[in-house]
Amino acid sequence: MLDYQAILEDIHNTLKSTEDTGDVASYIPELAKVSKDSFGIHLQLITGEDYSAGDYLEKFSIQSISKVFSLAKAFQLVGNSLLERVDVEPSGNPFNHLSLLELENGIPRNPLINAGAIVIADILLTHLENPKEDFLNFVRELAHDESIDYNETIAESEHETGFNNYAAANLLKSFGNLHNEVEDVLDFYFHQCSIMMSCRQLTNAFFVFTNKGKCLKNVEHLTASQVKRINAIMLTCGFYDEAGEFAFEVGLPGKSGVGGGIVALLPHCFTIATWSPALNPQGNSYLGMKALELFTSKTKLSIF
């Protein structure tokens, strides 16, 4: 029987003394204000037990982790037809690069890079009656937590500095792969990225992806087939141009965000989330990547 609490505390204590962990995301001014010393881990087992260490209750901007929730909601609404507008191949490029988008006629490589997530945002804008409210309620339902909310200051900060996202959205529009107005799509997209959650809330919300589409309260939100596809996309595309490294070192489907969060899972076993705002050159949390590598090495639990 693994002593998960001791393992998490050991990982936290080992990594907490690391000196050079990278830098917080500065291109979004509000994210630059976060202390790089924060570090939390939370583990939720499918059997109901949970374990934690450090700042696991502190909320942070989930940023690109929200792309998994938007993808799940789009699958829920339109099924596999979304794959006509976005591919499922790893990009091999940073999350915000536009070169492949032009070469491939406005079809983003996958839903977890910015261009792909903007197409998914467009789909949600078309099919949801009150898009921002309905999407937030979906995330709250998955986590069973009404306290989850948008951070309007962060959303506005992204709006003011999101020139690359405007470029991507306009390029998508020029290829006919954006059906709503650019400004409306990006307003929704910036808000989804601004959602504030803690490590514990993330593990609760991602429980649906380890439990064949059923949340913590055993309510079915997605089919087992949809969850299989989402997990596959997370494994191959969830860490920008470091997805192969994460699969090699950690061996779990997961998703990172430039707010410093990472959430990963082992199907039918657990979800785990880490938060440390300082990022490596690829835009992933330095300590979060190390923590998950240590966790799967110590527990010998991965999909491989």
Protein backbone atom coordinates (compact mmCIF):
# COMPACT_ATOMS: atom_id res chain seq x y z
CA MET A 1 0.00 0.00 0.00
CA LEU A 2 1.50 3.33 -1.09
CA ASP A 3 1.78 6.10 1.47
CA TYR A 4 0.62 8.89 -0.84
CA GLN A 5 0.77 11.59 1.81
CA ALA A 6 4.40 10.83 2.63
CA ILE A 7 5.25 10.73 -1.09
CA LEU A 8 3.69 14.13 -1.77
CA GLU A 9 5.35 15.71 1.26
CA ASP A 10 8.71 14.28 0.24
CA ILE A 11 8.33 15.64 -3.31
CA HIS A 12 7.23 19.03 -2.02
CA ASN A 13 10.08 19.30 0.48
CA THR A 14 12.66 18.10 -2.06
CA LEU A 15 11.66 20.59 -4.74
CA LYS A 16 10.83 23.54 -2.49
CA SER A 17 14.55 24.24 -2.02
CA THR A 18 15.21 24.41 -5.79
CA GLU A 19 16.84 27.76 -6.53
CA ASP A 20 16.47 28.38 -10.27
CA THR A 21 12.92 27.45 -11.30
CA GLY A 22 12.43 29.83 -14.22
CA ASP A 23 10.24 32.94 -14.40
CA VAL A 24 6.55 33.71 -14.12
CA ALA A 25 4.68 34.58 -17.34
CA SER A 26 5.26 38.29 -17.88
CA TYR A 27 3.55 38.85 -21.24
CA ILE A 28 0.20 38.91 -19.39
CA PRO A 29 0.75 41.72 -16.86
CA GLU A 30 -1.57 40.31 -14.18
CA LEU A 31 0.24 36.95 -14.17
CA ALA A 32 3.57 38.72 -13.65
CA LYS A 33 2.34 39.82 -10.21
CA VAL A 34 2.12 36.26 -8.82
CA SER A 35 4.83 35.11 -6.39
CA LYS A 36 7.09 32.50 -7.93
CA ASP A 37 7.57 30.89 -4.49
CA SER A 38 4.09 29.30 -4.41
CA PHE A 39 4.00 25.52 -4.81
CA GLY A 40 1.14 23.12 -4.22
CA ILE A 41 0.19 19.50 -5.05
CA HIS A 42 -3.12 17.69 -4.73
CA LEU A 43 -3.95 14.05 -5.49
CA GLN A 44 -7.48 12.66 -5.85
CA LEU A 45 -7.87 8.88 -6.02
CA ILE A 46 -10.80 7.36 -7.89
CA THR A 47 -11.64 5.51 -4.67
CA GLY A 48 -12.38 8.82 -2.94
CA GLU A 49 -9.28 9.48 -0.82
CA ASP A 50 -7.29 12.64 -1.42
CA TYR A 51 -3.84 13.87 -0.34
CA SER A 52 -2.04 17.20 -0.57
CA ALA A 53 1.02 19.30 0.17
CA GLY A 54 1.89 23.00 0.08
CA ASP A 55 -0.33 25.69 -1.46
CA TYR A 56 -2.92 23.28 -2.88
CA LEU A 57 -5.88 25.45 -1.83
CA GLU A 58 -4.61 28.71 -3.34
CA LYS A 59 -6.46 29.70 -6.51
CA PHE A 60 -4.59 30.65 -9.67
CA SER A 61 -5.43 31.43 -13.29
CA ILE A 62 -5.77 28.07 -15.04
CA GLN A 63 -5.07 29.59 -18.50
CA SER A 64 -4.63 26.81 -21.11
CA ILE A 65 -5.89 24.09 -18.79
CA SER A 66 -9.30 25.58 -19.61
CA LYS A 67 -8.86 24.29 -23.18
CA VAL A 68 -9.59 20.76 -21.94
CA PHE A 69 -12.88 21.93 -20.42
CA SER A 70 -13.87 23.79 -23.60
CA LEU A 71 -12.98 20.75 -25.72
CA ALA A 72 -15.08 18.54 -23.44
CA LYS A 73 -18.05 20.92 -23.69
CA ALA A 74 -17.72 21.07 -27.48
CA PHE A 75 -17.68 17.26 -27.67
CA GLN A 76 -20.75 17.26 -25.45
CA LEU A 77 -22.55 19.69 -27.78
CA VAL A 78 -21.52 18.68 -31.31
CA GLY A 79 -19.69 15.37 -30.99
CA ASN A 80 -17.10 14.33 -33.56
CA SER A 81 -18.22 16.99 -36.05
CA LEU A 82 -15.82 19.39 -34.29
CA LEU A 83 -12.99 17.37 -35.85
CA GLU A 84 -13.95 18.82 -39.24
CA ARG A 85 -12.62 22.19 -38.04
CA VAL A 86 -9.63 21.22 -35.88
CA ASP A 87 -7.12 18.38 -36.21
CA VAL A 88 -5.68 16.13 -33.47
CA GLU A 89 -1.99 16.10 -34.42
CA PRO A 90 0.86 17.41 -32.21
CA SER A 91 2.07 20.74 -33.54
CA GLY A 92 5.75 20.49 -32.63
CA ASN A 93 5.63 24.27 -32.22
CA PRO A 94 5.04 26.64 -29.30
CA PHE A 95 1.39 27.15 -28.33
CA ASN A 96 1.03 30.52 -30.09
CA HIS A 97 2.79 29.93 -33.42
CA LEU A 98 0.83 30.73 -36.58
CA SER A 99 3.00 29.33 -39.38
CA LEU A 100 1.31 25.92 -39.59
CA LEU A 101 -2.13 27.54 -39.54
CA GLU A 102 -1.44 29.29 -42.84
CA LEU A 103 0.23 26.27 -44.42
CA GLU A 104 -2.70 24.03 -43.51
CA ASN A 105 -5.49 26.29 -44.75
CA GLY A 106 -6.81 27.51 -41.44
CA ILE A 107 -7.24 24.11 -39.76
CA PRO A 108 -5.38 24.19 -36.41
CA ARG A 109 -3.19 21.18 -35.63
CA ASN A 110 -5.06 20.38 -32.38
CA PRO A 111 -7.55 21.88 -29.90
CA LEU A 112 -4.93 22.55 -27.19
CA ILE A 113 -2.86 25.14 -29.02
CA ASN A 114 -4.21 28.69 -29.08
CA ALA A 115 -5.55 28.61 -32.63
CA GLY A 116 -7.35 25.32 -32.01
CA ALA A 117 -8.83 26.56 -28.74
CA ILE A 118 -10.07 29.69 -30.51
CA VAL A 119 -11.95 27.50 -33.01
CA ILE A 120 -13.43 25.54 -30.09
CA ALA A 121 -14.44 28.85 -28.48
CA ASP A 122 -16.20 29.76 -31.72
CA ILE A 123 -18.12 26.47 -31.63
CA LEU A 124 -19.22 27.11 -28.04
CA LEU A 125 -20.23 30.67 -28.90
CA THR A 126 -22.48 29.31 -31.65
CA HIS A 127 -24.14 26.59 -29.58
CA LEU A 128 -24.44 28.03 -26.06
CA GLU A 129 -27.31 30.38 -25.25
CA ASN A 130 -25.29 32.33 -22.65
CA PRO A 131 -21.73 31.26 -23.53
CA LYS A 132 -19.68 32.64 -20.62
CA GLU A 133 -22.28 31.79 -18.00
CA ASP A 134 -23.01 28.33 -19.44
CA PHE A 135 -19.33 27.42 -19.75
CA LEU A 136 -18.56 28.52 -16.20
CA ASN A 137 -21.50 26.47 -14.93
CA PHE A 138 -20.15 23.44 -16.80
CA VAL A 139 -16.78 23.72 -15.03
CA ARG A 140 -18.56 24.23 -11.70
CA GLU A 141 -20.66 21.12 -12.33
CA LEU A 142 -17.59 19.00 -13.08
CA ALA A 143 -15.87 20.18 -9.88
CA HIS A 144 -19.09 20.40 -7.82
CA ASP A 145 -17.95 23.81 -6.65
CA GLU A 146 -19.97 27.01 -7.09
CA SER A 147 -17.07 29.20 -5.90
CA ILE A 148 -15.17 28.79 -9.19
CA ASP A 149 -15.28 32.04 -11.17
CA TYR A 150 -13.67 34.22 -13.82
CA ASN A 151 -11.04 36.80 -12.90
CA GLU A 152 -12.18 39.85 -14.84
CA THR A 153 -8.90 41.70 -14.24
CA ILE A 154 -6.90 38.88 -15.84
CA ALA A 155 -9.36 38.62 -18.74
CA GLU A 156 -8.97 42.35 -19.39
CA SER A 157 -5.17 42.07 -19.11
CA GLU A 158 -5.19 39.35 -21.78
CA HIS A 159 -7.51 41.43 -23.94
CA GLU A 160 -5.09 44.36 -23.84
CA THR A 161 -1.99 42.31 -24.70
CA GLY A 162 -3.39 39.44 -26.80
CA PHE A 163 -2.10 40.63 -30.17
CA ASN A 164 -0.98 37.15 -31.22
CA ASN A 165 -4.42 35.72 -30.44
CA TYR A 166 -6.01 38.50 -32.51
CA ALA A 167 -3.67 37.55 -35.36
CA ALA A 168 -4.65 33.86 -35.04
CA ALA A 169 -8.37 34.66 -34.90
CA ASN A 170 -8.21 36.94 -37.94
CA LEU A 171 -6.25 34.31 -39.86
CA LEU A 172 -8.87 31.69 -38.94
CA LYS A 173 -11.59 34.12 -40.05
CA SER A 174 -9.85 34.66 -43.39
CA PHE A 175 -9.97 30.89 -44.03
CA GLY A 176 -13.65 30.69 -43.05
CA ASN A 177 -12.94 28.69 -39.88
CA LEU A 178 -14.40 31.29 -37.51
CA HIS A 179 -18.15 31.81 -37.77
CA ASN A 180 -18.67 34.50 -35.14
CA GLU A 181 -17.13 37.94 -34.82
CA VAL A 182 -13.44 37.93 -33.87
CA GLU A 183 -14.00 40.25 -30.90
CA ASP A 184 -16.80 38.07 -29.49
CA VAL A 185 -14.82 34.85 -29.84
CA LEU A 186 -11.74 36.32 -28.19
CA ASP A 187 -13.77 37.84 -25.36
CA PHE A 188 -15.04 34.34 -24.56
CA TYR A 189 -11.58 32.82 -25.01
CA PHE A 190 -9.87 35.34 -22.71
CA HIS A 191 -12.52 34.72 -20.05
CA GLN A 192 -12.16 30.93 -20.17
CA CYS A 193 -8.40 31.31 -19.65
CA SER A 194 -8.98 33.62 -16.67
CA ILE A 195 -10.89 31.04 -14.59
CA MET A 196 -9.41 30.76 -11.10
CA MET A 197 -9.04 27.31 -9.53
CA SER A 198 -6.92 25.57 -6.91
CA CYS A 199 -5.08 22.28 -7.29
CA ARG A 200 -7.87 20.53 -5.38
CA GLN A 201 -10.58 22.04 -7.57
CA LEU A 202 -8.69 20.95 -10.69
CA THR A 203 -8.34 17.35 -9.54
CA ASN A 204 -12.06 17.31 -8.76
CA ALA A 205 -13.00 18.74 -12.15
CA PHE A 206 -10.66 16.38 -14.04
CA PHE A 207 -12.11 13.36 -12.23
CA VAL A 208 -14.50 12.99 -15.18
CA PHE A 209 -11.52 12.16 -17.44
CA THR A 210 -10.29 9.33 -15.22
CA ASN A 211 -13.77 7.94 -14.56
CA LYS A 212 -15.08 7.23 -18.10
CA GLY A 213 -17.03 10.49 -18.31
CA LYS A 214 -18.61 10.47 -14.85
CA CYS A 215 -17.83 13.19 -12.29
CA LEU A 216 -17.21 12.80 -8.56
CA LYS A 217 -20.97 12.48 -7.95
CA ASN A 218 -21.17 9.72 -10.60
CA VAL A 219 -23.14 11.92 -13.02
CA GLU A 220 -22.31 11.21 -16.66
CA HIS A 221 -21.14 14.29 -18.62
CA LEU A 222 -19.25 12.61 -21.47
CA THR A 223 -19.20 9.20 -23.12
CA ALA A 224 -16.32 6.81 -22.46
CA SER A 225 -15.33 7.20 -26.13
CA GLN A 226 -15.17 11.01 -25.85
CA VAL A 227 -13.04 10.75 -22.71
CA LYS A 228 -10.68 8.34 -24.45
CA ARG A 229 -10.20 10.85 -27.26
CA ILE A 230 -9.69 13.80 -24.92
CA ASN A 231 -7.11 11.85 -22.89
CA ALA A 232 -5.28 10.88 -26.09
CA ILE A 233 -5.15 14.53 -27.19
CA MET A 234 -3.84 15.53 -23.74
CA LEU A 235 -1.08 12.91 -23.93
CA THR A 236 0.13 13.97 -27.37
CA CYS A 237 -0.65 17.71 -27.34
CA GLY A 238 -1.10 18.85 -23.73
CA PHE A 239 2.33 20.43 -23.20
CA TYR A 240 2.99 22.44 -26.35
CA ASP A 241 6.32 21.50 -27.89
CA GLU A 242 7.27 19.59 -24.71
CA ALA A 243 4.49 16.98 -24.98
CA GLY A 244 6.90 14.22 -25.98
CA GLU A 245 9.17 15.03 -23.04
CA PHE A 246 6.23 14.89 -20.61
CA ALA A 247 5.08 11.53 -22.00
CA PHE A 248 8.67 10.25 -21.80
CA GLU A 249 9.38 11.47 -18.25
CA VAL A 250 5.93 11.31 -16.63
CA GLY A 251 3.79 9.01 -18.75
CA LEU A 252 0.35 10.50 -18.06
CA PRO A 253 -2.22 12.45 -20.08
CA GLY A 254 -2.29 16.02 -18.81
CA LYS A 255 -2.48 19.72 -19.52
CA SER A 256 -0.42 22.71 -18.45
CA GLY A 257 -1.12 26.43 -18.34
CA VAL A 258 1.13 29.49 -18.22
CA GLY A 259 -0.41 30.36 -14.85
CA GLY A 260 1.86 27.59 -13.51
CA GLY A 261 -0.74 24.86 -13.14
CA ILE A 262 -0.48 21.31 -14.41
CA VAL A 263 -3.13 18.61 -14.09
CA ALA A 264 -2.62 14.98 -15.09
CA LEU A 265 -4.39 11.68 -14.64
CA LEU A 266 -4.13 7.92 -14.76
CA PRO A 267 -7.40 6.50 -16.12
CA HIS A 268 -9.42 4.54 -13.55
CA CYS A 269 -6.89 5.45 -10.84
CA PHE A 270 -6.28 9.13 -9.96
CA THR A 271 -6.07 12.80 -10.93
CA ILE A 272 -3.20 14.97 -9.72
CA ALA A 273 -2.60 18.72 -9.97
CA THR A 274 0.41 20.87 -9.21
CA TRP A 275 0.91 24.63 -9.15
CA SER A 276 4.15 26.57 -9.27
CA PRO A 277 4.07 29.84 -11.27
CA ALA A 278 7.69 29.88 -12.47
CA LEU A 279 7.92 28.48 -16.00
CA ASN A 280 10.58 26.70 -18.03
CA PRO A 281 11.47 27.95 -21.57
CA GLN A 282 8.60 25.91 -23.11
CA GLY A 283 6.01 27.68 -20.93
CA ASN A 284 5.40 24.79 -18.51
CA SER A 285 5.78 24.96 -14.74
CA TYR A 286 9.35 23.99 -13.87
CA LEU A 287 8.56 22.51 -10.45
CA GLY A 288 5.27 21.04 -11.65
CA MET A 289 7.00 19.01 -14.35
CA LYS A 290 9.63 17.83 -11.86
CA ALA A 291 6.97 16.98 -9.24
CA LEU A 292 4.97 14.79 -11.60
CA GLU A 293 8.10 13.07 -12.86
CA LEU A 294 9.04 12.25 -9.25
CA PHE A 295 5.47 11.13 -8.46
CA THR A 296 5.25 8.55 -11.25
CA SER A 297 8.82 7.39 -10.57
CA LYS A 298 8.15 6.88 -6.84
CA THR A 299 4.71 5.26 -7.27
CA LYS A 300 5.49 3.43 -10.54
CA LEU A 301 2.04 4.54 -11.72
CA SER A 302 1.74 5.66 -15.34
CA ILE A 303 0.00 4.51 -18.50
CA PHE A 304 3.18 2.77 -19.67
